[in-house]
Structure formats: C-alpha cells, structure tokens
Amino acid sequence: MPVIKKPKKTKKPIVRKPKKTTQKLKLPTASLALTQAKTKNTSAYYDCCANQTKAGLKGVKITQICHDCKHNALTINAKRQVAKNQAAQKIQEGYKRLGQGLKELMAHYK
C-alpha cells in the first residue's frame, strides 16, 4: 500500500493586543513598615494569649481571645503589668509591716 502523507497544519501566529495599564499609586512604604513594627510584637502576642488563658476563658472562644491579643496585645499587657506592679507593692508593704512587728516583738524579749 502506498503511504499517504497528510499535510501538516500550520499554526497561525497569535496577535496580542497591548494592554492598557493605569498608573498605580505609590504608598509610602517606609511609614507603613514603621507602624506595623510598632503594633506587631510576637512575644507580646504570645504573652497576652498565655495570660488570658491562665485567667480562664469564661465563656469566650479562644479565637476571640487570639483576635483581641493580635490587635491589642501591647495595651492588654500594659494593663496586666500595672495590676502585677500593684500586687507586688502590696506584698512589699506587707513584708515591711511584718518586719516592723517582729522587730517590736523581739524588743520586748530583750
């Protein structure tokens, strides 16, 4: 049998139309990076989450606590630190009073 060769199909060249582009607005990236650096603090976020869960969830979903800590970690930690400082001050005053009482007690036995 004779071999019949089929003619090859030639591809038509694709003509692409140039796209119309609009000029994009440039945002000040330096100031944006600075504001993100101030608000984004990973250790503060984890500290906030740890402190909130230690205190108890109290009917609040863990995702809500994580969201609050993500956005307000620095302020939440600052409030908690103020409370810790006040508690430490009360303990310190208690020890001072205890020391004074023991001093007076020991003075009676001399």
N, C-alpha and C. Protein backbone atom coordinates (compact mmCIF):
# COMPACT_ATOMS: atom_id res chain seq x y z
N MET A 1 0.82 -1.17 0.00
CA MET A 1 0.00 0.00 0.00
C MET A 1 0.87 1.24 0.00
N PRO A 2 0.39 2.18 -0.72
CA PRO A 2 1.17 3.43 -0.75
C PRO A 2 0.94 4.24 0.53
N VAL A 3 1.96 4.93 0.96
CA VAL A 3 1.89 5.76 2.16
C VAL A 3 1.40 7.14 1.76
N ILE A 4 0.32 7.54 2.39
CA ILE A 4 -0.25 8.86 2.10
C ILE A 4 0.14 9.80 3.24
N LYS A 5 0.84 10.84 2.92
CA LYS A 5 1.25 11.81 3.92
C LYS A 5 0.20 12.90 4.02
N LYS A 6 -0.19 13.15 5.26
CA LYS A 6 -1.18 14.19 5.48
C LYS A 6 -0.46 15.52 5.58
N PRO A 7 -1.07 16.55 5.04
CA PRO A 7 -0.43 17.85 5.15
C PRO A 7 -0.48 18.35 6.60
N LYS A 8 0.64 18.92 7.04
CA LYS A 8 0.70 19.42 8.41
C LYS A 8 -0.06 20.73 8.52
N LYS A 9 -0.71 20.86 9.66
CA LYS A 9 -1.44 22.10 9.89
C LYS A 9 -0.46 23.15 10.41
N THR A 10 -0.54 24.28 9.85
CA THR A 10 0.32 25.37 10.31
C THR A 10 -0.45 26.24 11.29
N LYS A 11 0.25 26.64 12.33
CA LYS A 11 -0.39 27.46 13.34
C LYS A 11 -0.35 28.91 12.90
N LYS A 12 -1.45 29.55 13.14
CA LYS A 12 -1.49 30.97 12.83
C LYS A 12 -0.82 31.73 13.97
N PRO A 13 -0.04 32.72 13.66
CA PRO A 13 0.60 33.47 14.74
C PRO A 13 -0.46 34.24 15.54
N ILE A 14 -0.29 34.20 16.85
CA ILE A 14 -1.24 34.88 17.73
C ILE A 14 -0.84 36.35 17.83
N VAL A 15 -1.78 37.16 17.53
CA VAL A 15 -1.55 38.60 17.61
C VAL A 15 -2.13 39.08 18.93
N ARG A 16 -1.28 39.59 19.77
CA ARG A 16 -1.74 40.07 21.07
C ARG A 16 -1.84 41.58 21.03
N LYS A 17 -2.93 42.01 21.60
CA LYS A 17 -3.14 43.44 21.67
C LYS A 17 -2.46 43.97 22.93
N PRO A 18 -1.84 45.11 22.84
CA PRO A 18 -1.21 45.65 24.04
C PRO A 18 -2.26 46.04 25.08
N LYS A 19 -1.98 45.71 26.33
CA LYS A 19 -2.92 46.02 27.39
C LYS A 19 -2.75 47.45 27.83
N LYS A 20 -3.86 48.05 28.12
CA LYS A 20 -3.81 49.42 28.62
C LYS A 20 -3.62 49.32 30.14
N THR A 21 -2.60 49.95 30.62
CA THR A 21 -2.33 49.91 32.05
C THR A 21 -2.53 51.30 32.63
N THR A 22 -3.03 51.28 33.83
CA THR A 22 -3.18 52.54 34.54
C THR A 22 -2.04 52.66 35.52
N GLN A 23 -1.67 53.85 35.80
CA GLN A 23 -0.55 54.08 36.69
C GLN A 23 -1.00 53.83 38.14
N LYS A 24 -0.24 53.03 38.86
CA LYS A 24 -0.60 52.69 40.23
C LYS A 24 -0.10 53.77 41.18
N LEU A 25 -0.87 53.95 42.23
CA LEU A 25 -0.47 54.90 43.26
C LEU A 25 0.60 54.27 44.14
N LYS A 26 1.61 55.03 44.45
CA LYS A 26 2.68 54.52 45.31
C LYS A 26 2.36 54.92 46.74
N LEU A 27 2.34 53.92 47.61
CA LEU A 27 2.11 54.17 49.02
C LEU A 27 3.44 54.39 49.72
N PRO A 28 3.45 55.21 50.71
CA PRO A 28 4.69 55.40 51.44
C PRO A 28 5.00 54.14 52.27
N THR A 29 5.86 53.30 51.76
CA THR A 29 6.13 52.01 52.40
C THR A 29 6.94 52.16 53.67
N ALA A 30 7.75 53.18 53.77
CA ALA A 30 8.58 53.34 54.97
C ALA A 30 7.72 53.60 56.19
N SER A 31 6.75 54.50 56.08
CA SER A 31 5.92 54.79 57.24
C SER A 31 4.99 53.62 57.54
N LEU A 32 4.58 52.88 56.53
CA LEU A 32 3.72 51.72 56.74
C LEU A 32 4.49 50.64 57.50
N ALA A 33 5.74 50.45 57.15
CA ALA A 33 6.56 49.44 57.83
C ALA A 33 6.79 49.84 59.28
N LEU A 34 6.96 51.12 59.55
CA LEU A 34 7.19 51.58 60.92
C LEU A 34 5.97 51.36 61.78
N THR A 35 4.77 51.64 61.25
CA THR A 35 3.56 51.46 62.05
C THR A 35 3.31 49.99 62.31
N GLN A 36 3.61 49.12 61.34
CA GLN A 36 3.43 47.70 61.56
C GLN A 36 4.43 47.18 62.58
N ALA A 37 5.64 47.71 62.55
CA ALA A 37 6.65 47.27 63.51
C ALA A 37 6.25 47.66 64.92
N LYS A 38 5.61 48.80 65.10
CA LYS A 38 5.22 49.24 66.42
C LYS A 38 4.08 48.38 66.97
N THR A 39 3.13 48.02 66.12
CA THR A 39 1.96 47.29 66.59
C THR A 39 2.17 45.79 66.58
N LYS A 40 3.13 45.29 65.82
CA LYS A 40 3.33 43.86 65.71
C LYS A 40 4.46 43.44 66.64
N ASN A 41 4.11 42.71 67.68
CA ASN A 41 5.10 42.25 68.63
C ASN A 41 4.73 40.81 68.99
N THR A 42 5.51 39.87 68.46
CA THR A 42 5.16 38.46 68.60
C THR A 42 5.20 38.00 70.05
N SER A 43 6.23 38.41 70.77
CA SER A 43 6.33 37.96 72.16
C SER A 43 5.18 38.53 72.99
N ALA A 44 4.79 39.77 72.72
CA ALA A 44 3.66 40.36 73.45
C ALA A 44 2.37 39.61 73.12
N TYR A 45 2.23 39.19 71.88
CA TYR A 45 1.03 38.43 71.47
C TYR A 45 0.95 37.11 72.24
N TYR A 46 2.05 36.38 72.28
CA TYR A 46 2.03 35.10 72.98
C TYR A 46 1.86 35.27 74.48
N ASP A 47 2.49 36.30 75.04
CA ASP A 47 2.29 36.59 76.46
C ASP A 47 0.83 36.91 76.75
N CYS A 48 0.24 37.68 75.89
CA CYS A 48 -1.16 38.06 76.05
C CYS A 48 -2.05 36.82 76.00
N CYS A 49 -1.83 35.96 75.01
CA CYS A 49 -2.64 34.75 74.89
C CYS A 49 -2.45 33.84 76.11
N ALA A 50 -1.22 33.72 76.58
CA ALA A 50 -0.95 32.87 77.74
C ALA A 50 -1.63 33.42 78.98
N ASN A 51 -1.54 34.72 79.19
CA ASN A 51 -2.16 35.33 80.37
C ASN A 51 -3.68 35.24 80.32
N GLN A 52 -4.24 35.43 79.15
CA GLN A 52 -5.70 35.37 79.02
C GLN A 52 -6.21 33.96 79.29
N THR A 53 -5.51 32.94 78.81
CA THR A 53 -5.96 31.57 79.03
C THR A 53 -5.71 31.12 80.46
N LYS A 54 -4.65 31.63 81.11
CA LYS A 54 -4.41 31.31 82.51
C LYS A 54 -5.52 31.88 83.39
N ALA A 55 -6.00 33.07 83.01
CA ALA A 55 -7.06 33.71 83.78
C ALA A 55 -8.38 32.97 83.62
N GLY A 56 -8.52 32.20 82.57
CA GLY A 56 -9.76 31.46 82.31
C GLY A 56 -10.49 32.05 81.12
N LEU A 57 -11.13 31.17 80.37
CA LEU A 57 -11.80 31.63 79.15
C LEU A 57 -13.13 32.30 79.46
N LYS A 58 -13.83 31.85 80.49
CA LYS A 58 -15.07 32.48 80.95
C LYS A 58 -16.10 32.67 79.83
N GLY A 59 -16.34 31.62 79.07
CA GLY A 59 -17.37 31.67 78.03
C GLY A 59 -16.95 32.38 76.75
N VAL A 60 -15.69 32.73 76.64
CA VAL A 60 -15.21 33.41 75.43
C VAL A 60 -14.44 32.38 74.59
N LYS A 61 -14.65 32.42 73.30
CA LYS A 61 -13.96 31.48 72.42
C LYS A 61 -12.48 31.84 72.34
N ILE A 62 -11.66 30.82 72.17
CA ILE A 62 -10.21 31.03 72.09
C ILE A 62 -9.86 31.88 70.87
N THR A 63 -10.62 31.75 69.79
CA THR A 63 -10.33 32.55 68.60
C THR A 63 -10.57 34.03 68.87
N GLN A 64 -11.56 34.34 69.70
CA GLN A 64 -11.82 35.75 70.05
C GLN A 64 -10.68 36.31 70.90
N ILE A 65 -10.17 35.49 71.81
CA ILE A 65 -9.04 35.93 72.63
C ILE A 65 -7.82 36.17 71.76
N CYS A 66 -7.57 35.27 70.81
CA CYS A 66 -6.43 35.43 69.90
C CYS A 66 -6.58 36.69 69.06
N HIS A 67 -7.79 36.96 68.62
CA HIS A 67 -8.04 38.17 67.81
C HIS A 67 -7.77 39.42 68.65
N ASP A 68 -8.28 39.43 69.88
CA ASP A 68 -8.05 40.59 70.75
C ASP A 68 -6.57 40.78 71.03
N CYS A 69 -5.87 39.69 71.29
CA CYS A 69 -4.44 39.78 71.57
C CYS A 69 -3.67 40.24 70.34
N LYS A 70 -4.11 39.83 69.17
CA LYS A 70 -3.41 40.22 67.95
C LYS A 70 -3.48 41.73 67.74
N HIS A 71 -4.63 42.31 68.06
CA HIS A 71 -4.82 43.73 67.80
C HIS A 71 -4.48 44.62 68.98
N ASN A 72 -4.58 44.08 70.20
CA ASN A 72 -4.40 44.93 71.38
C ASN A 72 -3.42 44.35 72.38
N ALA A 73 -2.44 43.59 71.93
CA ALA A 73 -1.54 42.89 72.85
C ALA A 73 -0.79 43.86 73.75
N LEU A 74 -0.31 44.93 73.19
CA LEU A 74 0.51 45.86 73.98
C LEU A 74 -0.31 46.54 75.07
N THR A 75 -1.53 46.95 74.76
CA THR A 75 -2.35 47.62 75.76
C THR A 75 -2.84 46.64 76.82
N ILE A 76 -3.19 45.43 76.40
CA ILE A 76 -3.64 44.41 77.36
C ILE A 76 -2.51 44.05 78.31
N ASN A 77 -1.30 43.87 77.77
CA ASN A 77 -0.15 43.54 78.61
C ASN A 77 0.21 44.69 79.54
N ALA A 78 0.03 45.92 79.07
CA ALA A 78 0.33 47.08 79.93
C ALA A 78 -0.63 47.13 81.12
N LYS A 79 -1.91 46.88 80.87
CA LYS A 79 -2.89 46.85 81.96
C LYS A 79 -2.57 45.74 82.95
N ARG A 80 -2.21 44.57 82.43
CA ARG A 80 -1.88 43.44 83.29
C ARG A 80 -0.61 43.75 84.11
N GLN A 81 0.35 44.43 83.49
CA GLN A 81 1.58 44.76 84.19
C GLN A 81 1.32 45.75 85.32
N VAL A 82 0.41 46.70 85.11
CA VAL A 82 0.04 47.64 86.17
C VAL A 82 -0.57 46.89 87.35
N ALA A 83 -1.43 45.94 87.06
CA ALA A 83 -2.05 45.14 88.13
C ALA A 83 -1.00 44.33 88.88
N LYS A 84 -0.03 43.76 88.15
CA LYS A 84 1.04 42.99 88.79
C LYS A 84 1.89 43.88 89.68
N ASN A 85 2.19 45.10 89.20
CA ASN A 85 3.00 46.02 89.99
C ASN A 85 2.28 46.41 91.28
N GLN A 86 0.98 46.64 91.19
CA GLN A 86 0.20 46.99 92.39
C GLN A 86 0.20 45.83 93.38
N ALA A 87 0.04 44.62 92.89
CA ALA A 87 0.06 43.45 93.77
C ALA A 87 1.43 43.29 94.43
N ALA A 88 2.48 43.49 93.66
CA ALA A 88 3.83 43.39 94.21
C ALA A 88 4.07 44.46 95.28
N GLN A 89 3.53 45.66 95.06
CA GLN A 89 3.67 46.74 96.03
C GLN A 89 2.95 46.39 97.33
N LYS A 90 1.76 45.81 97.23
CA LYS A 90 1.02 45.40 98.43
C LYS A 90 1.78 44.33 99.21
N ILE A 91 2.36 43.39 98.49
CA ILE A 91 3.14 42.34 99.15
C ILE A 91 4.35 42.93 99.85
N GLN A 92 5.01 43.87 99.17
CA GLN A 92 6.19 44.52 99.75
C GLN A 92 5.81 45.28 101.02
N GLU A 93 4.69 45.99 101.01
CA GLU A 93 4.23 46.71 102.19
C GLU A 93 3.91 45.74 103.32
N GLY A 94 3.32 44.61 102.98
CA GLY A 94 3.00 43.59 103.98
C GLY A 94 4.25 43.06 104.65
N TYR A 95 5.29 42.81 103.86
CA TYR A 95 6.55 42.33 104.44
C TYR A 95 7.19 43.39 105.33
N LYS A 96 7.08 44.67 104.93
CA LYS A 96 7.62 45.74 105.77
C LYS A 96 6.90 45.78 107.12
N ARG A 97 5.57 45.68 107.10
CA ARG A 97 4.80 45.68 108.35
C ARG A 97 5.14 44.46 109.20
N LEU A 98 5.32 43.32 108.55
CA LEU A 98 5.69 42.11 109.27
C LEU A 98 7.06 42.28 109.93
N GLY A 99 7.98 42.87 109.20
CA GLY A 99 9.30 43.12 109.75
C GLY A 99 9.26 44.05 110.95
N GLN A 100 8.44 45.11 110.86
CA GLN A 100 8.32 46.05 111.98
C GLN A 100 7.69 45.36 113.19
N GLY A 101 6.69 44.53 112.96
CA GLY A 101 6.05 43.81 114.05
C GLY A 101 7.01 42.85 114.73
N LEU A 102 7.80 42.14 113.94
CA LEU A 102 8.78 41.22 114.52
C LEU A 102 9.87 41.98 115.29
N LYS A 103 10.22 43.15 114.78
CA LYS A 103 11.23 43.98 115.46
C LYS A 103 10.71 44.41 116.83
N GLU A 104 9.45 44.83 116.90
CA GLU A 104 8.85 45.23 118.18
C GLU A 104 8.74 44.03 119.12
N LEU A 105 8.38 42.87 118.57
CA LEU A 105 8.25 41.67 119.38
C LEU A 105 9.58 41.26 119.98
N MET A 106 10.62 41.33 119.17
CA MET A 106 11.96 40.96 119.64
C MET A 106 12.48 41.96 120.68
N ALA A 107 12.03 43.23 120.55
CA ALA A 107 12.46 44.25 121.52
C ALA A 107 11.91 43.93 122.91
N HIS A 108 10.73 43.34 123.00
CA HIS A 108 10.14 43.00 124.29
C HIS A 108 10.89 41.87 124.96
N TYR A 109 11.48 40.95 124.20
CA TYR A 109 12.17 39.81 124.78
C TYR A 109 13.59 40.13 125.19
N LYS A 110 14.12 41.26 124.83
CA LYS A 110 15.50 41.62 125.22
C LYS A 110 15.55 42.22 126.55
